[in-house]
C-alpha atoms as a PDB file:
ATOM      1  CA  MET A   1     -49.897 -24.232-102.057  1.00  0.00           C
ATOM      2  CA  ALA A   2     -47.850 -26.961-101.750  1.00  0.00           C
ATOM      3  CA  ARG A   3     -48.174 -28.792 -98.911  1.00  0.00           C
ATOM      4  CA  ARG A   4     -46.037 -27.695 -95.674  1.00  0.00           C
ATOM      5  CA  LEU A   5     -44.419 -29.825 -92.557  1.00  0.00           C
ATOM      6  CA  GLY A   6     -44.643 -29.010 -89.138  1.00  0.00           C
ATOM      7  CA  ILE A   7     -41.075 -28.318 -87.398  1.00  0.00           C
ATOM      8  CA  VAL A   8     -39.948 -28.275 -83.946  1.00  0.00           C
ATOM      9  CA  GLN A   9     -35.833 -26.705 -83.981  1.00  0.00           C
ATOM     10  CA  LEU A  10     -33.408 -26.259 -81.832  1.00  0.00           C
ATOM     11  CA  GLU A  11     -30.057 -24.441 -82.213  1.00  0.00           C
ATOM     12  CA  VAL A  12     -26.793 -25.234 -79.941  1.00  0.00           C
ATOM     13  CA  ALA A  13     -23.642 -24.374 -79.346  1.00  0.00           C
ATOM     14  CA  GLY A  14     -21.468 -26.300 -80.451  1.00  0.00           C
ATOM     15  CA  PRO A  15     -20.332 -29.041 -83.330  1.00  0.00           C
ATOM     16  CA  PRO A  16     -23.274 -31.614 -83.837  1.00  0.00           C
ATOM     17  CA  PRO A  17     -22.198 -34.928 -81.246  1.00  0.00           C
ATOM     18  CA  ILE A  18     -23.822 -36.907 -83.957  1.00  0.00           C
ATOM     19  CA  ASP A  19     -23.487 -37.447 -87.770  1.00  0.00           C
ATOM     20  CA  VAL A  20     -24.991 -34.998 -89.272  1.00  0.00           C
ATOM     21  CA  GLY A  21     -28.114 -36.251 -91.388  1.00  0.00           C
ATOM     22  CA  ARG A  22     -31.408 -37.398 -91.104  1.00  0.00           C
ATOM     23  CA  TYR A  23     -32.956 -40.164 -88.649  1.00  0.00           C
ATOM     24  CA  LEU A  24     -36.194 -41.378 -89.491  1.00  0.00           C
ATOM     25  CA  ILE A  25     -38.439 -42.329 -86.065  1.00  0.00           C
ATOM     26  CA  ALA A  26     -41.135 -45.387 -86.919  1.00  0.00           C
ATOM     27  CA  GLU A  27     -43.620 -44.292 -84.025  1.00  0.00           C
ATOM     28  CA  PRO A  28     -44.380 -41.397 -83.798  1.00  0.00           C
ATOM     29  CA  LYS A  29     -43.241 -40.806 -87.470  1.00  0.00           C
ATOM     30  CA  THR A  30     -40.981 -37.691 -87.053  1.00  0.00           C
ATOM     31  CA  VAL A  31     -37.950 -37.400 -88.563  1.00  0.00           C
ATOM     32  CA  VAL A  32     -35.189 -35.757 -87.043  1.00  0.00           C
ATOM     33  CA  VAL A  33     -32.580 -33.704 -89.316  1.00  0.00           C
ATOM     34  CA  VAL A  34     -29.321 -32.474 -87.773  1.00  0.00           C
ATOM     35  CA  THR A  35     -27.165 -30.246 -89.371  1.00  0.00           C
ATOM     36  CA  THR A  36     -24.925 -27.313 -88.651  1.00  0.00           C
ATOM     37  CA  PRO A  37     -25.291 -23.859 -90.027  1.00  0.00           C
ATOM     38  CA  GLY A  38     -22.508 -22.396 -89.162  1.00  0.00           C
ATOM     39  CA  ALA A  39     -21.869 -18.849 -87.031  1.00  0.00           C
ATOM     40  CA  ARG A  40     -24.435 -16.226 -86.424  1.00  0.00           C
ATOM     41  CA  ALA A  41     -23.034 -12.691 -85.790  1.00  0.00           C
ATOM     42  CA  GLU A  42     -25.120 -10.802 -83.642  1.00  0.00           C
ATOM     43  CA  ARG A  43     -25.232  -9.155 -80.682  1.00  0.00           C
ATOM     44  CA  VAL A  44     -26.059 -10.233 -76.642  1.00  0.00           C
ATOM     45  CA  LYS A  45     -28.169  -7.394 -75.258  1.00  0.00           C
ATOM     46  CA  PRO A  46     -28.621  -8.715 -71.140  1.00  0.00           C
ATOM     47  CA  ARG A  47     -31.910  -8.039 -70.176  1.00  0.00           C
ATOM     48  CA  ARG A  48     -33.976  -8.481 -66.955  1.00  0.00           C
ATOM     49  CA  ARG A  49     -37.331 -10.200 -67.735  1.00  0.00           C
ATOM     50  CA  VAL A  50     -39.784  -9.032 -65.704  1.00  0.00           C
ATOM     51  CA  ARG A  51     -42.725 -10.637 -67.176  1.00  0.00           C
ATOM     52  CA  ARG A  52     -42.556 -14.035 -69.805  1.00  0.00           C
ATOM     53  CA  GLU A  53     -42.152 -13.377 -73.534  1.00  0.00           C
ATOM     54  CA  LYS A  54     -44.232 -13.790 -76.760  1.00  0.00           C
ATOM     55  CA  PRO A  55     -43.100 -15.397 -79.546  1.00  0.00           C
ATOM     56  CA  ARG A  56     -41.632 -13.591 -82.290  1.00  0.00           C
ATOM     57  CA  ARG A  57     -40.977 -13.515 -86.022  1.00  0.00           C
ATOM     58  CA  ALA A  58     -37.818 -16.181 -86.040  1.00  0.00           C
ATOM     59  CA  ASP A  59     -36.367 -13.611 -88.971  1.00  0.00           C
ATOM     60  CA  GLU A  60     -35.851 -10.811 -86.421  1.00  0.00           C
ATOM     61  CA  PRO A  61     -32.684 -10.839 -84.283  1.00  0.00           C
ATOM     62  CA  SER A  62     -32.632 -13.222 -81.716  1.00  0.00           C
ATOM     63  CA  GLY A  63     -29.530 -11.510 -79.718  1.00  0.00           C
ATOM     64  CA  ALA A  64     -27.650 -14.961 -79.569  1.00  0.00           C
ATOM     65  CA  ALA A  65     -23.674 -14.937 -79.309  1.00  0.00           C
ATOM     66  CA  ASP A  66     -21.359 -15.203 -82.675  1.00  0.00           C
ATOM     67  CA  VAL A  67     -20.800 -18.790 -82.023  1.00  0.00           C
ATOM     68  CA  TRP A  68     -20.960 -22.049 -84.091  1.00  0.00           C
ATOM     69  CA  THR A  69     -24.362 -24.142 -83.657  1.00  0.00           C
ATOM     70  CA  THR A  70     -26.243 -27.289 -84.466  1.00  0.00           C
ATOM     71  CA  ARG A  71     -29.674 -26.948 -85.410  1.00  0.00           C
ATOM     72  CA  TRP A  72     -31.744 -29.924 -84.378  1.00  0.00           C
ATOM     73  CA  THR A  73     -34.926 -29.987 -86.514  1.00  0.00           C
ATOM     74  CA  ALA A  74     -37.494 -32.455 -85.619  1.00  0.00           C
ATOM     75  CA  VAL A  75     -40.526 -32.589 -88.450  1.00  0.00           C
ATOM     76  CA  ASP A  76     -43.800 -33.731 -88.382  1.00  0.00           C
ATOM     77  CA  PRO A  77     -44.030 -35.214 -91.900  1.00  0.00           C
ATOM     78  CA  THR A  78     -48.003 -34.790 -91.668  1.00  0.00           C
ATOM     79  CA  PRO A  79     -48.818 -32.279 -94.100  1.00  0.00           C
ATOM     80  CA  LEU A  80     -50.663 -29.281 -92.189  1.00  0.00           C
ATOM     81  CA  GLY A  81     -53.107 -28.231 -94.606  1.00  0.00           C
ATOM     82  CA  ASP A  82     -53.993 -25.172 -96.698  1.00  0.00           C
ATOM     83  CA  SER A  83     -53.371 -22.251 -94.221  1.00  0.00           C
ATOM     84  CA  PRO A  84     -49.989 -23.546 -92.559  1.00  0.00           C
ATOM     85  CA  GLN A  85     -49.370 -19.635 -91.334  1.00  0.00           C
ATOM     86  CA  ASP A  86     -52.831 -19.686 -89.569  1.00  0.00           C
ATOM     87  CA  TRP A  87     -51.634 -22.870 -88.023  1.00  0.00           C
ATOM     88  CA  LEU A  88     -48.228 -21.716 -87.025  1.00  0.00           C
ATOM     89  CA  ASP A  89     -50.381 -17.735 -85.938  1.00  0.00           C
ATOM     90  CA  ARG A  90     -52.934 -20.150 -83.551  1.00  0.00           C
ATOM     91  CA  MET A  91     -50.003 -22.693 -82.028  1.00  0.00           C
ATOM     92  CA  THR A  92     -48.085 -19.637 -80.920  1.00  0.00           C
ATOM     93  CA  ALA A  93     -50.938 -17.603 -79.963  1.00  0.00           C
ATOM     94  CA  ASP A  94     -51.734 -20.217 -77.219  1.00  0.00           C
ATOM     95  CA  GLY A  95     -48.191 -20.230 -74.630  1.00  0.00           C
ATOM     96  CA  SER A  96     -49.398 -23.725 -73.762  1.00  0.00           C
ATOM     97  CA  ALA A  97     -49.856 -25.416 -77.056  1.00  0.00           C
ATOM     98  CA  ALA A  98     -46.488 -23.917 -78.564  1.00  0.00           C
ATOM     99  CA  ALA A  99     -44.929 -25.415 -75.058  1.00  0.00           C
ATOM    100  CA  GLU A 100     -46.312 -28.854 -74.998  1.00  0.00           C
ATOM    101  CA  ARG A 101     -45.598 -28.383 -79.035  1.00  0.00           C
ATOM    102  CA  LEU A 102     -41.683 -27.957 -78.532  1.00  0.00           C
ATOM    103  CA  SER A 103     -41.454 -30.176 -75.611  1.00  0.00           C
ATOM    104  CA  GLU A 104     -42.928 -33.208 -77.944  1.00  0.00           C
ATOM    105  CA  GLY A 105     -40.093 -31.986 -80.197  1.00  0.00           C
ATOM    106  CA  VAL A 106     -37.434 -31.871 -77.954  1.00  0.00           C
ATOM    107  CA  ARG A 107     -38.451 -35.418 -76.095  1.00  0.00           C
ATOM    108  CA  LEU A 108     -38.088 -36.909 -79.714  1.00  0.00           C
ATOM    109  CA  ILE A 109     -35.010 -35.083 -80.642  1.00  0.00           C
ATOM    110  CA  ASN A 110     -33.802 -36.537 -77.836  1.00  0.00           C
ATOM    111  CA  HIS A 111     -35.334 -40.164 -78.402  1.00  0.00           C
ATOM    112  CA  VAL A 112     -32.455 -39.731 -81.702  1.00  0.00           C
ATOM    113  CA  MET A 113     -29.148 -38.661 -78.926  1.00  0.00           C
ATOM    114  CA  ARG A 114     -30.667 -41.675 -76.238  1.00  0.00           C
ATOM    115  CA  ALA A 115     -30.385 -44.079 -79.073  1.00  0.00           C
ATOM    116  CA  HIS A 116     -26.517 -43.285 -80.099  1.00  0.00           C
ATOM    117  CA  ARG A 117     -25.984 -43.364 -76.705  1.00  0.00           C
ATOM    118  CA  ASP A 118     -27.178 -46.685 -76.147  1.00  0.00           C
ATOM    119  CA  ALA A 119     -25.970 -47.854 -79.497  1.00  0.00           C
ATOM    120  CA  THR A 120     -22.213 -46.746 -78.484  1.00  0.00           C
ATOM    121  CA  LEU A 121     -22.227 -46.798 -74.941  1.00  0.00           C
ATOM    122  CA  ASP A 122     -21.075 -43.148 -75.373  1.00  0.00           C
ATOM    123  CA  PRO A 123     -22.260 -41.186 -71.833  1.00  0.00           C
ATOM    124  CA  SER A 124     -20.706 -38.025 -73.221  1.00  0.00           C
ATOM    125  CA  LEU A 125     -23.761 -38.132 -75.669  1.00  0.00           C
ATOM    126  CA  ALA A 126     -26.290 -35.869 -72.895  1.00  0.00           C
ATOM    127  CA  GLU A 127     -29.732 -35.137 -74.225  1.00  0.00           C
ATOM    128  CA  LEU A 128     -31.234 -31.770 -74.959  1.00  0.00           C
ATOM    129  CA  PHE A 129     -32.920 -29.111 -72.380  1.00  0.00           C
ATOM    130  CA  PRO A 130     -34.915 -26.279 -74.714  1.00  0.00           C
ATOM    131  CA  ASP A 131     -33.682 -23.806 -72.145  1.00  0.00           C
ATOM    132  CA  GLU A 132     -30.384 -24.730 -72.554  1.00  0.00           C
ATOM    133  CA  ALA A 133     -30.528 -23.517 -76.595  1.00  0.00           C
ATOM    134  CA  LEU A 134     -29.701 -20.382 -78.527  1.00  0.00           C
ATOM    135  CA  THR A 135     -32.752 -20.908 -79.989  1.00  0.00           C
ATOM    136  CA  ARG A 136     -36.072 -22.333 -80.182  1.00  0.00           C
ATOM    137  CA  ARG A 137     -38.387 -22.173 -82.745  1.00  0.00           C
ATOM    138  CA  ILE A 138     -41.794 -23.922 -84.081  1.00  0.00           C
ATOM    139  CA  GLY A 139     -42.562 -23.449 -87.694  1.00  0.00           C
ATOM    140  CA  TYR A 140     -43.399 -25.094 -91.259  1.00  0.00           C
ATOM    141  CA  ALA A 141     -40.956 -25.681 -94.229  1.00  0.00           C
ATOM    142  CA  SER A 142     -41.540 -27.330 -97.847  1.00  0.00           C
ATOM    143  CA  PRO A 143     -40.280 -31.033 -97.186  1.00  0.00           C
ATOM    144  CA  GLU A 144     -37.235 -30.361 -99.275  1.00  0.00           C
ATOM    145  CA  GLY A 145     -36.552 -27.687 -96.634  1.00  0.00           C
ATOM    146  CA  ALA A 146     -37.709 -29.648 -93.605  1.00  0.00           C
ATOM    147  CA  ALA A 147     -34.664 -32.321 -94.929  1.00  0.00           C
ATOM    148  CA  GLU A 148     -32.165 -29.365 -94.733  1.00  0.00           C
ATOM    149  CA  GLY A 149     -33.095 -27.981 -91.669  1.00  0.00           C
ATOM    150  CA  ARG A 150     -34.607 -25.010 -92.794  1.00  0.00           C
ATOM    151  CA  TRP A 151     -38.376 -23.214 -92.058  1.00  0.00           C
ATOM    152  CA  GLU A 152     -40.421 -21.329 -94.366  1.00  0.00           C
ATOM    153  CA  ALA A 153     -41.693 -19.456 -91.763  1.00  0.00           C
ATOM    154  CA  ALA A 154     -41.691 -20.068 -87.942  1.00  0.00           C
ATOM    155  CA  TYR A 155     -41.174 -18.290 -84.636  1.00  0.00           C
ATOM    156  CA  GLU A 156     -38.721 -17.546 -81.692  1.00  0.00           C
ATOM    157  CA  LEU A 157     -39.714 -19.019 -78.518  1.00  0.00           C
ATOM    158  CA  PRO A 158     -38.178 -17.457 -75.295  1.00  0.00           C
ATOM    159  CA  ALA A 159     -36.793 -19.481 -73.181  1.00  0.00           C
ATOM    160  CA  ASP A 160     -38.322 -20.516 -69.644  1.00  0.00           C
ATOM    161  CA  PRO A 161     -36.420 -19.638 -66.551  1.00  0.00           C
ATOM    162  CA  ARG A 162     -39.150 -22.051 -64.898  1.00  0.00           C
ATOM    163  CA  ILE A 163     -37.948 -25.436 -66.652  1.00  0.00           C
ATOM    164  CA  SER A 164     -35.853 -27.707 -64.339  1.00  0.00           C
ATOM    165  CA  HIS A 165     -34.544 -24.458 -62.588  1.00  0.00           C
ATOM    166  CA  GLU A 166     -35.371 -26.036 -58.981  1.00  0.00           C
ATOM    167  CA  ARG A 167     -33.352 -29.145 -59.979  1.00  0.00           C
ATOM    168  CA  ARG A 168     -30.319 -27.186 -61.439  1.00  0.00           C
ATOM    169  CA  GLU A 169     -30.464 -25.075 -58.077  1.00  0.00           C
ATOM    170  CA  ALA A 170     -30.623 -28.288 -55.960  1.00  0.00           C
ATOM    171  CA  LEU A 171     -28.026 -30.171 -57.564  1.00  0.00           C
ATOM    172  CA  ASN A 172     -25.554 -28.278 -60.174  1.00  0.00           C
ATOM    173  CA  ALA A 173     -25.426 -24.820 -58.797  1.00  0.00           C
ATOM    174  CA  ARG A 174     -21.888 -22.794 -59.963  1.00  0.00           C
ATOM    175  CA  GLU A 175     -20.663 -22.889 -56.250  1.00  0.00           C
ATOM    176  CA  ARG A 176     -21.035 -26.676 -55.522  1.00  0.00           C
ATOM    177  CA  VAL A 177     -18.977 -26.941 -58.951  1.00  0.00           C
ATOM    178  CA  ALA A 178     -16.201 -24.818 -57.472  1.00  0.00           C
ATOM    179  CA  ASP A 179     -16.058 -26.452 -54.217  1.00  0.00           C
ATOM    180  CA  LEU A 180     -15.672 -30.199 -56.472  1.00  0.00           C
ATOM    181  CA  LEU A 181     -13.469 -28.528 -58.732  1.00  0.00           C
ATOM    182  CA  ALA A 182     -11.112 -26.737 -55.627  1.00  0.00           C
ATOM    183  CA  GLY A 183     -11.495 -29.816 -53.659  1.00  0.00           C
ATOM    184  CA  ARG A 184     -12.848 -28.046 -51.166  1.00  0.00           C
ATOM    185  CA  SER A 185     -16.046 -30.214 -50.512  1.00  0.00           C
ATOM    186  CA  ASP A 186     -16.782 -34.022 -51.871  1.00  0.00           C
ATOM    187  CA  LEU A 187     -19.238 -35.007 -54.546  1.00  0.00           C
ATOM    188  CA  ASP A 188     -22.605 -36.588 -52.766  1.00  0.00           C
ATOM    189  CA  PRO A 189     -22.860 -40.208 -54.482  1.00  0.00           C
ATOM    190  CA  ALA A 190     -26.407 -39.976 -54.617  1.00  0.00           C
ATOM    191  CA  ALA A 191     -26.849 -36.631 -56.874  1.00  0.00           C
ATOM    192  CA  PRO A 192     -25.906 -38.598 -60.141  1.00  0.00           C
ATOM    193  CA  ALA A 193     -28.341 -41.351 -59.890  1.00  0.00           C
ATOM    194  CA  ALA A 194     -31.076 -38.447 -58.747  1.00  0.00           C
ATOM    195  CA  LEU A 195     -29.801 -36.368 -62.214  1.00  0.00           C
ATOM    196  CA  ARG A 196     -30.189 -39.169 -64.050  1.00  0.00           C
ATOM    197  CA  ALA A 197     -33.740 -40.091 -62.974  1.00  0.00           C
ATOM    198  CA  ARG A 198     -34.674 -36.761 -63.068  1.00  0.00           C
ATOM    199  CA  GLU A 199     -33.839 -36.536 -66.647  1.00  0.00           C
ATOM    200  CA  ASP A 200     -35.199 -39.979 -67.315  1.00  0.00           C
ATOM    201  CA  LEU A 201     -38.771 -38.623 -65.739  1.00  0.00           C
ATOM    202  CA  ASP A 202     -39.263 -35.789 -67.545  1.00  0.00           C
ATOM    203  CA  ALA A 203     -38.663 -37.548 -70.857  1.00  0.00           C
ATOM    204  CA  GLY A 204     -41.026 -40.062 -69.711  1.00  0.00           C
ATOM    205  CA  ARG A 205     -39.105 -43.422 -69.075  1.00  0.00           C
ATOM    206  CA  VAL A 206     -40.847 -44.199 -65.968  1.00  0.00           C
ATOM    207  CA  ALA A 207     -38.778 -47.572 -65.658  1.00  0.00           C
ATOM    208  CA  GLU A 208     -35.504 -46.288 -65.952  1.00  0.00           C
ATOM    209  CA  ALA A 209     -36.273 -42.867 -63.652  1.00  0.00           C
ATOM    210  CA  ALA A 210     -37.267 -45.562 -60.929  1.00  0.00           C
ATOM    211  CA  ALA A 211     -34.322 -47.713 -61.394  1.00  0.00           C
ATOM    212  CA  GLN A 212     -32.096 -44.797 -60.952  1.00  0.00           C
ATOM    213  CA  LEU A 213     -33.936 -42.769 -58.018  1.00  0.00           C
ATOM    214  CA  ASP A 214     -33.639 -46.388 -56.565  1.00  0.00           C
ATOM    215  CA  ILE A 215     -30.046 -46.020 -56.994  1.00  0.00           C
ATOM    216  CA  ALA A 216     -29.740 -42.355 -55.363  1.00  0.00           C
ATOM    217  CA  LEU A 217     -32.000 -44.037 -52.093  1.00  0.00           C
ATOM    218  CA  ARG A 218     -29.235 -46.678 -51.668  1.00  0.00           C
ATOM    219  CA  PHE A 219     -26.593 -44.758 -52.504  1.00  0.00           C
ATOM    220  CA  LEU A 220     -27.947 -41.704 -49.454  1.00  0.00           C
ATOM    221  CA  GLY A 221     -28.032 -44.596 -46.819  1.00  0.00           C
ATOM    222  CA  PRO A 222     -31.249 -45.949 -44.972  1.00  0.00           C
ATOM    223  CA  GLU A 223     -30.265 -44.180 -42.152  1.00  0.00           C
ATOM    224  CA  ALA A 224     -30.991 -40.725 -43.985  1.00  0.00           C
ATOM    225  CA  VAL A 225     -33.719 -42.010 -45.845  1.00  0.00           C
ATOM    226  CA  ARG A 226     -35.329 -42.927 -42.745  1.00  0.00           C
ATOM    227  CA  ALA A 227     -34.072 -40.220 -40.977  1.00  0.00           C
ATOM    228  CA  ASP A 228     -36.968 -37.780 -43.678  1.00  0.00           C
ATOM    229  CA  ALA A 229     -40.691 -39.774 -42.539  1.00  0.00           C
ATOM    230  CA  GLU A 230     -42.379 -38.370 -45.810  1.00  0.00           C
ATOM    231  CA  LEU A 231     -39.045 -40.059 -48.248  1.00  0.00           C
ATOM    232  CA  ALA A 232     -38.930 -42.881 -46.015  1.00  0.00           C
ATOM    233  CA  ASP A 233     -43.159 -43.566 -46.868  1.00  0.00           C
ATOM    234  CA  ALA A 234     -42.137 -42.132 -50.529  1.00  0.00           C
ATOM    235  CA  SER A 235     -39.448 -45.145 -51.072  1.00  0.00           C
ATOM    236  CA  GLU A 236     -41.250 -48.432 -50.340  1.00  0.00           C
ATOM    237  CA  PRO A 237     -43.371 -47.898 -53.888  1.00  0.00           C
ATOM    238  CA  VAL A 238     -40.205 -46.566 -55.832  1.00  0.00           C
ATOM    239  CA  ALA A 239     -38.187 -49.889 -54.302  1.00  0.00           C
ATOM    240  CA  GLU A 240     -41.289 -52.736 -55.702  1.00  0.00           C
ATOM    241  CA  ALA A 241     -41.711 -50.317 -58.916  1.00  0.00           C
ATOM    242  CA  ALA A 242     -37.386 -50.887 -59.937  1.00  0.00           C
ATOM    243  CA  LYS A 243     -38.034 -54.501 -59.592  1.00  0.00           C
ATOM    244  CA  ARG A 244     -41.240 -54.597 -61.059  1.00  0.00           C
ATOM    245  CA  LEU A 245     -40.590 -52.752 -64.125  1.00  0.00           C
ATOM    246  CA  VAL A 246     -36.706 -54.374 -64.570  1.00  0.00           C
ATOM    247  CA  HIS A 247     -38.988 -56.919 -66.718  1.00  0.00           C
ATOM    248  CA  PRO A 248     -38.925 -56.423 -69.852  1.00  0.00           C
ATOM    249  CA  ASP A 249     -42.721 -57.035 -70.876  1.00  0.00           C
ATOM    250  CA  ALA A 250     -43.605 -54.611 -67.979  1.00  0.00           C
ATOM    251  CA  VAL A 251     -45.840 -51.131 -68.234  1.00  0.00           C
ATOM    252  CA  ALA A 252     -45.275 -48.668 -66.246  1.00  0.00           C
ATOM    253  CA  SER A 253     -48.500 -46.862 -65.305  1.00  0.00           C
ATOM    254  CA  ASP A 254     -49.623 -43.464 -63.965  1.00  0.00           C
ATOM    255  CA  ALA A 255     -49.711 -44.405 -60.947  1.00  0.00           C
ATOM    256  CA  ASP A 256     -46.015 -45.636 -61.078  1.00  0.00           C
ATOM    257  CA  GLY A 257     -45.001 -42.528 -62.804  1.00  0.00           C
ATOM    258  CA  GLU A 258     -46.562 -39.710 -59.968  1.00  0.00           C
ATOM    259  CA  ARG A 259     -45.203 -42.773 -57.381  1.00  0.00           C
ATOM    260  CA  VAL A 260     -41.581 -41.964 -58.775  1.00  0.00           C
ATOM    261  CA  GLY A 261     -42.141 -38.056 -59.195  1.00  0.00           C
ATOM    262  CA  ALA A 262     -43.118 -37.396 -55.771  1.00  0.00           C
ATOM    263  CA  CYS A 263     -40.601 -39.664 -54.283  1.00  0.00           C
ATOM    264  CA  LEU A 264     -37.600 -38.232 -56.628  1.00  0.00           C
ATOM    265  CA  GLY A 265     -39.045 -34.045 -55.252  1.00  0.00           C
ATOM    266  CA  LEU A 266     -38.577 -35.811 -51.132  1.00  0.00           C
ATOM    267  CA  LEU A 267     -34.993 -36.668 -52.281  1.00  0.00           C
ATOM    268  CA  GLU A 268     -33.765 -33.304 -54.125  1.00  0.00           C
ATOM    269  CA  ARG A 269     -34.796 -31.661 -51.083  1.00  0.00           C
ATOM    270  CA  GLN A 270     -32.631 -34.055 -48.845  1.00  0.00           C
ATOM    271  CA  LEU A 271     -30.094 -33.509 -51.208  1.00  0.00           C
ATOM    272  CA  ARG A 272     -30.574 -29.679 -50.878  1.00  0.00           C
ATOM    273  CA  ARG A 273     -30.488 -29.805 -47.014  1.00  0.00           C
ATOM    274  CA  ARG A 274     -27.444 -32.294 -47.029  1.00  0.00           C
ATOM    275  CA  ARG A 275     -25.376 -29.210 -49.378  1.00  0.00           C
ATOM    276  CA  ALA A 276     -26.807 -26.490 -47.556  1.00  0.00           C
ATOM    277  CA  LYS A 277     -25.055 -27.879 -44.472  1.00  0.00           C
ATOM    278  CA  GLY A 278     -22.190 -28.387 -46.347  1.00  0.00           C
END
């Protein structure tokens, strides 16, 4: 059997924000393929999820609306071996393994997006979140197929309602957006920096997360920080880490990541409370 390559794929509504093509990442060696497969005509069937869904074969109807999509494919160039279907079946049978594989693929896709954003200084190039995609696939393909964003066999993974739910509920609730657009309230200046800190931390960029969190805490104000004893205690090591990690040769430790995560969680709690008070 000809060699087959593992892929992770997202389909996102709308045109591609960067040029269609293939992008090579040096470490870990990965090719990210951006294509536009066109419109999909499938009916939406709303349903209430009672329990976590299982992966299903990707050739089954997915329930996505009729929309134009951009397909993002992260291709691992390491051949899967003689039994790629066995690999895929084992991967999708283990929910944690499938989630980890998906997360790593999305991280690499976002690496390409972030490189474009940094190179062009275009803030509109937002990173992708798997739960916001129309479709999430794990599968395998021939080298030729993978280079065109096609798959030979794949499973579609259900959206995980837990991913980023608390963050969105706290900082991006629809009613809050409506109030802002209607001029009934002002944007909390700490919220955008907190969102960027969460985005950086979720992507493993601890130094950037520490810097954004330090900015968010400054916007929150020293009085508000001191009023929350836990937040005040947690903010001091974050400020120190932000200063230390700004140097090009500095390397963030696991402890830095834990401290930033703990402090960010406390800040998000504070922002929720401020929003509730109006």
